[in-house]
Amino acid sequence: MKIVNLNDAAEFSPDAHVGKVVCEEGHLKARLVCIEAGQRVPPCRMEHDVAFYVLEGQGTIRADDEQAALLPGTLALVQGGGERSIEAQARMRVLAVQAI
């Protein structure tokens, strides 16, 4: 078992979002993504499926041609291979978990 305190792992920057791997075990990788209001995670393509769980804040996720609001408690499942991005309207902490 591994325990990670996501509150202690949070790191924000006024310049750009901060993504930090908080756990990598076997076939899973968990990354904490911290995004200030007005910042975005630029569009990127990832090979693997990713589950994005919003811990704090408010924003929008885009995956290919789809778009959805993100609020605390929201879980967004995005299939691998497509383009995705997140934009924060309010400071966000998002846990991104992918099977690798």
N, C-alpha and C. Protein backbone atom coordinates (compact mmCIF):
# COMPACT_ATOMS: atom_id res chain seq x y z
N MET A 1 0.84 -1.17 0.00
CA MET A 1 0.00 0.00 0.00
C MET A 1 0.89 1.24 0.00
N LYS A 2 0.40 2.27 -0.69
CA LYS A 2 1.09 3.55 -0.72
C LYS A 2 0.06 4.63 -0.45
N ILE A 3 0.39 5.54 0.46
CA ILE A 3 -0.49 6.64 0.81
C ILE A 3 0.15 7.94 0.33
N VAL A 4 -0.62 8.78 -0.37
CA VAL A 4 -0.13 10.05 -0.87
C VAL A 4 -1.08 11.15 -0.38
N ASN A 5 -0.54 12.16 0.28
CA ASN A 5 -1.34 13.29 0.72
C ASN A 5 -1.37 14.31 -0.43
N LEU A 6 -2.49 14.39 -1.12
CA LEU A 6 -2.59 15.28 -2.28
C LEU A 6 -2.61 16.75 -1.90
N ASN A 7 -2.98 17.06 -0.66
CA ASN A 7 -2.92 18.45 -0.22
C ASN A 7 -1.47 18.90 -0.09
N ASP A 8 -0.61 18.04 0.46
CA ASP A 8 0.81 18.37 0.60
C ASP A 8 1.52 18.41 -0.75
N ALA A 9 1.02 17.65 -1.72
CA ALA A 9 1.69 17.55 -3.03
C ALA A 9 1.33 18.72 -3.96
N ALA A 10 0.30 19.49 -3.61
CA ALA A 10 -0.16 20.57 -4.48
C ALA A 10 0.92 21.64 -4.63
N GLU A 11 1.11 22.07 -5.88
CA GLU A 11 2.10 23.11 -6.20
C GLU A 11 1.55 23.95 -7.35
N PHE A 12 1.41 25.24 -7.13
CA PHE A 12 0.88 26.14 -8.15
C PHE A 12 1.98 27.09 -8.62
N SER A 13 1.83 27.58 -9.86
CA SER A 13 2.77 28.55 -10.42
C SER A 13 1.97 29.64 -11.11
N PRO A 14 2.39 30.89 -10.99
CA PRO A 14 1.69 31.95 -11.70
C PRO A 14 1.93 31.92 -13.21
N ASP A 15 2.93 31.16 -13.64
CA ASP A 15 3.31 31.14 -15.06
C ASP A 15 2.60 30.09 -15.90
N ALA A 16 2.37 28.91 -15.32
CA ALA A 16 1.77 27.81 -16.09
C ALA A 16 1.29 26.73 -15.12
N HIS A 17 0.45 25.82 -15.64
CA HIS A 17 -0.01 24.72 -14.79
C HIS A 17 1.19 23.89 -14.32
N VAL A 18 1.00 23.18 -13.23
CA VAL A 18 2.05 22.31 -12.69
C VAL A 18 1.48 20.89 -12.63
N GLY A 19 2.16 19.96 -13.29
CA GLY A 19 1.78 18.56 -13.24
C GLY A 19 2.89 17.77 -12.56
N LYS A 20 2.53 17.02 -11.54
CA LYS A 20 3.53 16.29 -10.76
C LYS A 20 3.08 14.85 -10.57
N VAL A 21 3.93 13.89 -10.95
CA VAL A 21 3.63 12.49 -10.72
C VAL A 21 3.69 12.25 -9.21
N VAL A 22 2.57 11.79 -8.63
CA VAL A 22 2.51 11.56 -7.19
C VAL A 22 2.59 10.08 -6.85
N CYS A 23 2.40 9.22 -7.85
CA CYS A 23 2.48 7.78 -7.62
C CYS A 23 2.62 7.07 -8.95
N GLU A 24 3.52 6.11 -8.99
CA GLU A 24 3.66 5.25 -10.18
C GLU A 24 3.96 3.86 -9.67
N GLU A 25 2.96 3.00 -9.78
CA GLU A 25 3.05 1.64 -9.28
C GLU A 25 2.49 0.68 -10.32
N GLY A 26 3.28 -0.29 -10.70
CA GLY A 26 2.81 -1.28 -11.66
C GLY A 26 2.31 -0.65 -12.93
N HIS A 27 1.03 -0.86 -13.23
CA HIS A 27 0.44 -0.35 -14.47
C HIS A 27 -0.35 0.94 -14.28
N LEU A 28 -0.16 1.61 -13.14
CA LEU A 28 -0.89 2.86 -12.89
C LEU A 28 0.07 4.01 -12.66
N LYS A 29 -0.32 5.18 -13.16
CA LYS A 29 0.43 6.41 -12.91
C LYS A 29 -0.59 7.47 -12.51
N ALA A 30 -0.33 8.13 -11.37
CA ALA A 30 -1.21 9.20 -10.90
C ALA A 30 -0.43 10.50 -10.90
N ARG A 31 -1.05 11.51 -11.46
CA ARG A 31 -0.42 12.84 -11.56
C ARG A 31 -1.39 13.85 -10.96
N LEU A 32 -0.86 14.76 -10.13
CA LEU A 32 -1.65 15.86 -9.61
C LEU A 32 -1.38 17.06 -10.49
N VAL A 33 -2.45 17.61 -11.06
CA VAL A 33 -2.33 18.76 -11.95
C VAL A 33 -2.94 19.96 -11.24
N CYS A 34 -2.14 21.01 -11.06
CA CYS A 34 -2.57 22.23 -10.38
C CYS A 34 -2.61 23.36 -11.40
N ILE A 35 -3.78 24.00 -11.52
CA ILE A 35 -3.99 25.00 -12.56
C ILE A 35 -4.61 26.25 -11.92
N GLU A 36 -3.96 27.38 -12.08
CA GLU A 36 -4.52 28.64 -11.59
C GLU A 36 -5.64 29.10 -12.52
N ALA A 37 -6.54 29.93 -12.00
CA ALA A 37 -7.62 30.49 -12.82
C ALA A 37 -7.03 31.19 -14.03
N GLY A 38 -7.59 30.91 -15.20
CA GLY A 38 -7.12 31.53 -16.44
C GLY A 38 -6.04 30.73 -17.15
N GLN A 39 -5.45 29.76 -16.47
CA GLN A 39 -4.43 28.92 -17.11
C GLN A 39 -5.10 27.72 -17.77
N ARG A 40 -4.33 27.07 -18.63
CA ARG A 40 -4.85 25.85 -19.24
C ARG A 40 -3.73 24.84 -19.44
N VAL A 41 -4.14 23.59 -19.47
CA VAL A 41 -3.26 22.51 -19.90
C VAL A 41 -3.45 22.48 -21.41
N PRO A 42 -2.39 22.78 -22.17
CA PRO A 42 -2.58 22.88 -23.62
C PRO A 42 -2.99 21.54 -24.23
N PRO A 43 -3.61 21.59 -25.41
CA PRO A 43 -4.02 20.35 -26.07
C PRO A 43 -2.83 19.41 -26.26
N CYS A 44 -3.09 18.14 -25.95
CA CYS A 44 -2.07 17.11 -26.15
C CYS A 44 -2.77 15.80 -26.47
N ARG A 45 -2.02 14.89 -27.04
CA ARG A 45 -2.53 13.54 -27.33
C ARG A 45 -1.80 12.56 -26.42
N MET A 46 -2.58 11.68 -25.79
CA MET A 46 -1.99 10.66 -24.94
C MET A 46 -2.45 9.30 -25.44
N GLU A 47 -1.55 8.37 -25.38
CA GLU A 47 -1.83 7.02 -25.87
C GLU A 47 -2.82 6.28 -24.98
N HIS A 48 -2.76 6.54 -23.68
CA HIS A 48 -3.54 5.77 -22.71
C HIS A 48 -4.82 6.49 -22.28
N ASP A 49 -5.80 5.71 -21.84
CA ASP A 49 -7.00 6.28 -21.24
C ASP A 49 -6.61 6.98 -19.95
N VAL A 50 -7.33 8.06 -19.62
CA VAL A 50 -7.06 8.80 -18.38
C VAL A 50 -8.36 9.11 -17.68
N ALA A 51 -8.37 8.93 -16.35
CA ALA A 51 -9.47 9.35 -15.51
C ALA A 51 -9.04 10.63 -14.80
N PHE A 52 -9.79 11.72 -15.01
CA PHE A 52 -9.52 13.01 -14.38
C PHE A 52 -10.54 13.21 -13.27
N TYR A 53 -10.08 13.38 -12.03
CA TYR A 53 -10.98 13.60 -10.90
C TYR A 53 -10.70 14.98 -10.33
N VAL A 54 -11.71 15.83 -10.28
CA VAL A 54 -11.55 17.20 -9.82
C VAL A 54 -11.67 17.24 -8.29
N LEU A 55 -10.58 17.66 -7.65
CA LEU A 55 -10.55 17.79 -6.20
C LEU A 55 -11.00 19.18 -5.76
N GLU A 56 -10.66 20.19 -6.56
CA GLU A 56 -10.92 21.58 -6.19
C GLU A 56 -11.04 22.40 -7.47
N GLY A 57 -11.90 23.42 -7.43
CA GLY A 57 -11.95 24.39 -8.51
C GLY A 57 -13.03 24.16 -9.54
N GLN A 58 -12.90 24.89 -10.64
CA GLN A 58 -13.90 24.84 -11.70
C GLN A 58 -13.20 25.10 -13.02
N GLY A 59 -13.61 24.34 -14.04
CA GLY A 59 -13.01 24.53 -15.35
C GLY A 59 -13.78 23.79 -16.43
N THR A 60 -13.10 23.63 -17.56
CA THR A 60 -13.67 22.98 -18.72
C THR A 60 -12.66 21.98 -19.27
N ILE A 61 -13.14 20.81 -19.63
CA ILE A 61 -12.29 19.82 -20.29
C ILE A 61 -12.78 19.67 -21.73
N ARG A 62 -11.82 19.55 -22.62
CA ARG A 62 -12.12 19.29 -24.03
C ARG A 62 -11.42 18.00 -24.42
N ALA A 63 -12.15 17.14 -25.10
CA ALA A 63 -11.60 15.90 -25.62
C ALA A 63 -12.12 15.75 -27.04
N ASP A 64 -11.20 15.91 -28.00
CA ASP A 64 -11.59 15.93 -29.41
C ASP A 64 -12.68 16.98 -29.62
N ASP A 65 -13.87 16.57 -30.06
CA ASP A 65 -14.94 17.52 -30.35
C ASP A 65 -15.92 17.69 -29.18
N GLU A 66 -15.64 17.07 -28.04
CA GLU A 66 -16.54 17.17 -26.89
C GLU A 66 -15.99 18.16 -25.87
N GLN A 67 -16.90 18.75 -25.10
CA GLN A 67 -16.53 19.70 -24.06
C GLN A 67 -17.46 19.48 -22.88
N ALA A 68 -16.92 19.59 -21.64
CA ALA A 68 -17.75 19.43 -20.45
C ALA A 68 -17.22 20.29 -19.32
N ALA A 69 -18.14 20.69 -18.44
CA ALA A 69 -17.77 21.46 -17.26
C ALA A 69 -17.16 20.53 -16.22
N LEU A 70 -16.19 21.06 -15.48
CA LEU A 70 -15.55 20.32 -14.40
C LEU A 70 -15.78 21.07 -13.09
N LEU A 71 -16.28 20.37 -12.09
CA LEU A 71 -16.52 20.90 -10.76
C LEU A 71 -15.98 19.91 -9.74
N PRO A 72 -15.79 20.31 -8.49
CA PRO A 72 -15.31 19.35 -7.48
C PRO A 72 -16.23 18.12 -7.44
N GLY A 73 -15.60 16.97 -7.41
CA GLY A 73 -16.33 15.71 -7.41
C GLY A 73 -16.60 15.14 -8.78
N THR A 74 -16.28 15.88 -9.84
CA THR A 74 -16.49 15.41 -11.21
C THR A 74 -15.39 14.42 -11.61
N LEU A 75 -15.79 13.34 -12.25
CA LEU A 75 -14.86 12.37 -12.82
C LEU A 75 -15.07 12.37 -14.32
N ALA A 76 -14.01 12.67 -15.08
CA ALA A 76 -14.07 12.65 -16.53
C ALA A 76 -13.18 11.53 -17.04
N LEU A 77 -13.75 10.62 -17.80
CA LEU A 77 -12.99 9.51 -18.38
C LEU A 77 -12.74 9.83 -19.85
N VAL A 78 -11.47 9.89 -20.23
CA VAL A 78 -11.10 10.26 -21.60
C VAL A 78 -10.31 9.11 -22.23
N GLN A 79 -10.77 8.66 -23.38
CA GLN A 79 -10.10 7.56 -24.08
C GLN A 79 -8.78 8.02 -24.67
N GLY A 80 -7.84 7.09 -24.72
CA GLY A 80 -6.54 7.36 -25.29
C GLY A 80 -6.61 7.61 -26.79
N GLY A 81 -5.59 8.30 -27.30
CA GLY A 81 -5.48 8.54 -28.72
C GLY A 81 -6.03 9.87 -29.18
N GLY A 82 -6.93 10.45 -28.40
CA GLY A 82 -7.52 11.72 -28.80
C GLY A 82 -6.79 12.91 -28.21
N GLU A 83 -7.18 14.08 -28.66
CA GLU A 83 -6.59 15.32 -28.14
C GLU A 83 -7.44 15.81 -26.97
N ARG A 84 -6.77 16.30 -25.92
CA ARG A 84 -7.47 16.77 -24.74
C ARG A 84 -6.80 18.00 -24.16
N SER A 85 -7.58 18.80 -23.44
CA SER A 85 -7.04 19.98 -22.75
C SER A 85 -7.99 20.33 -21.60
N ILE A 86 -7.47 21.08 -20.63
CA ILE A 86 -8.27 21.56 -19.51
C ILE A 86 -7.98 23.04 -19.32
N GLU A 87 -9.05 23.81 -19.09
CA GLU A 87 -8.90 25.24 -18.82
C GLU A 87 -9.59 25.54 -17.50
N ALA A 88 -8.91 26.30 -16.62
CA ALA A 88 -9.44 26.61 -15.29
C ALA A 88 -10.12 27.97 -15.27
N GLN A 89 -11.36 28.01 -14.76
CA GLN A 89 -12.03 29.27 -14.49
C GLN A 89 -11.76 29.70 -13.05
N ALA A 90 -11.53 28.74 -12.17
CA ALA A 90 -11.15 28.97 -10.77
C ALA A 90 -10.01 27.99 -10.46
N ARG A 91 -9.14 28.34 -9.55
CA ARG A 91 -7.98 27.50 -9.21
C ARG A 91 -8.40 26.04 -9.06
N MET A 92 -7.68 25.15 -9.75
CA MET A 92 -8.06 23.74 -9.78
C MET A 92 -6.92 22.83 -9.29
N ARG A 93 -7.35 21.74 -8.65
CA ARG A 93 -6.48 20.60 -8.39
C ARG A 93 -7.19 19.40 -8.99
N VAL A 94 -6.52 18.73 -9.92
CA VAL A 94 -7.10 17.60 -10.64
C VAL A 94 -6.18 16.41 -10.51
N LEU A 95 -6.74 15.27 -10.11
CA LEU A 95 -5.98 14.03 -10.07
C LEU A 95 -6.21 13.31 -11.39
N ALA A 96 -5.12 13.04 -12.12
CA ALA A 96 -5.20 12.32 -13.40
C ALA A 96 -4.57 10.95 -13.21
N VAL A 97 -5.35 9.90 -13.43
CA VAL A 97 -4.87 8.53 -13.25
C VAL A 97 -4.97 7.80 -14.58
N GLN A 98 -3.86 7.18 -14.98
CA GLN A 98 -3.88 6.44 -16.24
C GLN A 98 -3.28 5.06 -16.05
N ALA A 99 -3.82 4.12 -16.82
CA ALA A 99 -3.26 2.78 -16.88
C ALA A 99 -2.17 2.82 -17.94
N ILE A 100 -0.97 2.41 -17.58
CA ILE A 100 0.15 2.46 -18.52
C ILE A 100 0.61 1.07 -18.89
